[in-house]
């Protein structure tokens, strides 16, 4: 049975068909997941945006400078 050329042809055909089906299902799932993420991004309110890391660093730097200036104005040496 294993020496029959048709056996290898049938096994190869079924293997190729299985790979095609798995690839198609995976690609469709990926596209649906990307569509879901796009919908989530579109659904978010633009006013409720989270500040970026650079803006947080700038705010922290400004707060530190204000504290230093207040300390200088109060006569406290840092």
C-alpha atoms as a PDB file:
ATOM      1  CA  UNK A   1       0.000   0.000   0.000  1.00  0.00           C
ATOM      2  CA  UNK A   2       2.776   2.467   0.852  1.00  0.00           C
ATOM      3  CA  UNK A   3       4.452   1.801  -2.502  1.00  0.00           C
ATOM      4  CA  UNK A   4       1.381   2.811  -4.493  1.00  0.00           C
ATOM      5  CA  UNK A   5       1.981   6.193  -6.247  1.00  0.00           C
ATOM      6  CA  UNK A   6      -1.688   7.107  -5.859  1.00  0.00           C
ATOM      7  CA  UNK A   7      -1.319   6.826  -2.083  1.00  0.00           C
ATOM      8  CA  UNK A   8       1.312   9.579  -2.048  1.00  0.00           C
ATOM      9  CA  UNK A   9      -0.756  11.690  -4.430  1.00  0.00           C
ATOM     10  CA  UNK A  10      -3.852  11.421  -2.216  1.00  0.00           C
ATOM     11  CA  UNK A  11      -1.912  12.125   0.986  1.00  0.00           C
ATOM     12  CA  UNK A  12      -0.186  15.097  -0.655  1.00  0.00           C
ATOM     13  CA  UNK A  13      -3.484  16.463  -1.961  1.00  0.00           C
ATOM     14  CA  UNK A  14      -5.196  16.185   1.417  1.00  0.00           C
ATOM     15  CA  UNK A  15      -2.212  17.782   3.144  1.00  0.00           C
ATOM     16  CA  UNK A  16      -2.213  20.681   0.699  1.00  0.00           C
ATOM     17  CA  UNK A  17      -5.974  21.113   1.109  1.00  0.00           C
ATOM     18  CA  UNK A  18      -5.599  21.125   4.901  1.00  0.00           C
ATOM     19  CA  UNK A  19      -2.861  23.756   4.730  1.00  0.00           C
ATOM     20  CA  UNK A  20      -5.010  25.928   2.459  1.00  0.00           C
ATOM     21  CA  UNK A  21      -8.016  25.663   4.789  1.00  0.00           C
ATOM     22  CA  UNK A  22      -5.964  26.468   7.889  1.00  0.00           C
ATOM     23  CA  UNK A  23      -4.312  29.413   6.127  1.00  0.00           C
ATOM     24  CA  UNK A  24      -7.657  30.774   4.948  1.00  0.00           C
ATOM     25  CA  UNK A  25      -9.223  30.509   8.406  1.00  0.00           C
ATOM     26  CA  UNK A  26      -6.182  32.117  10.027  1.00  0.00           C
ATOM     27  CA  UNK A  27      -6.148  34.986   7.537  1.00  0.00           C
ATOM     28  CA  UNK A  28      -9.860  35.591   8.000  1.00  0.00           C
ATOM     29  CA  UNK A  29      -9.451  35.608  11.785  1.00  0.00           C
ATOM     30  CA  UNK A  30      -6.558  38.054  11.506  1.00  0.00           C
ATOM     31  CA  UNK A  31      -8.603  40.398   9.302  1.00  0.00           C
ATOM     32  CA  UNK A  32     -11.560  40.246  11.703  1.00  0.00           C
ATOM     33  CA  UNK A  33      -9.270  40.997  14.655  1.00  0.00           C
ATOM     34  CA  UNK A  34      -7.776  43.992  12.804  1.00  0.00           C
ATOM     35  CA  UNK A  35     -11.289  45.216  11.971  1.00  0.00           C
ATOM     36  CA  UNK A  36     -12.226  44.903  15.656  1.00  0.00           C
ATOM     37  CA  UNK A  37      -9.201  46.955  16.703  1.00  0.00           C
ATOM     38  CA  UNK A  38     -10.039  49.615  14.099  1.00  0.00           C
ATOM     39  CA  UNK A  39     -13.596  49.769  15.427  1.00  0.00           C
ATOM     40  CA  UNK A  40     -12.299  50.136  18.990  1.00  0.00           C
ATOM     41  CA  UNK A  41     -10.026  52.987  17.947  1.00  0.00           C
ATOM     42  CA  UNK A  42     -12.828  54.732  16.069  1.00  0.00           C
ATOM     43  CA  UNK A  43     -15.160  54.330  19.041  1.00  0.00           C
ATOM     44  CA  UNK A  44     -12.861  56.102  21.508  1.00  0.00           C
ATOM     45  CA  UNK A  45     -13.561  59.744  22.225  1.00  0.00           C
ATOM     46  CA  UNK A  46     -10.767  62.056  21.009  1.00  0.00           C
ATOM     47  CA  UNK A  47     -11.199  64.297  24.092  1.00  0.00           C
ATOM     48  CA  UNK A  48     -10.428  61.426  26.463  1.00  0.00           C
ATOM     49  CA  UNK A  49      -6.950  60.892  25.040  1.00  0.00           C
ATOM     50  CA  UNK A  50      -4.248  59.731  27.418  1.00  0.00           C
ATOM     51  CA  UNK A  51      -1.331  62.166  27.613  1.00  0.00           C
ATOM     52  CA  UNK A  52       1.829  60.954  25.988  1.00  0.00           C
ATOM     53  CA  UNK A  53       4.964  60.090  27.918  1.00  0.00           C
ATOM     54  CA  UNK A  54       6.803  63.186  26.667  1.00  0.00           C
ATOM     55  CA  UNK A  55       4.055  65.511  27.872  1.00  0.00           C
ATOM     56  CA  UNK A  56       4.096  63.802  31.285  1.00  0.00           C
ATOM     57  CA  UNK A  57       7.857  64.298  31.504  1.00  0.00           C
ATOM     58  CA  UNK A  58       7.498  67.953  30.552  1.00  0.00           C
ATOM     59  CA  UNK A  59       4.820  68.514  33.202  1.00  0.00           C
ATOM     60  CA  UNK A  60       6.961  66.799  35.847  1.00  0.00           C
ATOM     61  CA  UNK A  61       9.943  68.967  34.836  1.00  0.00           C
ATOM     62  CA  UNK A  62       7.846  72.128  35.077  1.00  0.00           C
ATOM     63  CA  UNK A  63       6.564  71.118  38.521  1.00  0.00           C
ATOM     64  CA  UNK A  64      10.127  70.560  39.684  1.00  0.00           C
ATOM     65  CA  UNK A  65      11.164  73.984  38.404  1.00  0.00           C
ATOM     66  CA  UNK A  66       8.218  75.635  40.171  1.00  0.00           C
ATOM     67  CA  UNK A  67       9.195  73.939  43.450  1.00  0.00           C
ATOM     68  CA  UNK A  68      12.762  75.192  43.068  1.00  0.00           C
ATOM     69  CA  UNK A  69      11.577  78.726  42.345  1.00  0.00           C
ATOM     70  CA  UNK A  70       9.221  78.650  45.339  1.00  0.00           C
ATOM     71  CA  UNK A  71      12.082  77.445  47.518  1.00  0.00           C
ATOM     72  CA  UNK A  72      14.318  80.263  46.260  1.00  0.00           C
ATOM     73  CA  UNK A  73      11.552  82.796  46.868  1.00  0.00           C
ATOM     74  CA  UNK A  74      11.053  81.468  50.400  1.00  0.00           C
ATOM     75  CA  UNK A  75      14.777  81.666  51.080  1.00  0.00           C
ATOM     76  CA  UNK A  76      15.257  77.910  51.426  1.00  0.00           C
ATOM     77  CA  UNK A  77      18.514  76.566  50.026  1.00  0.00           C
ATOM     78  CA  UNK A  78      18.149  73.256  48.165  1.00  0.00           C
END
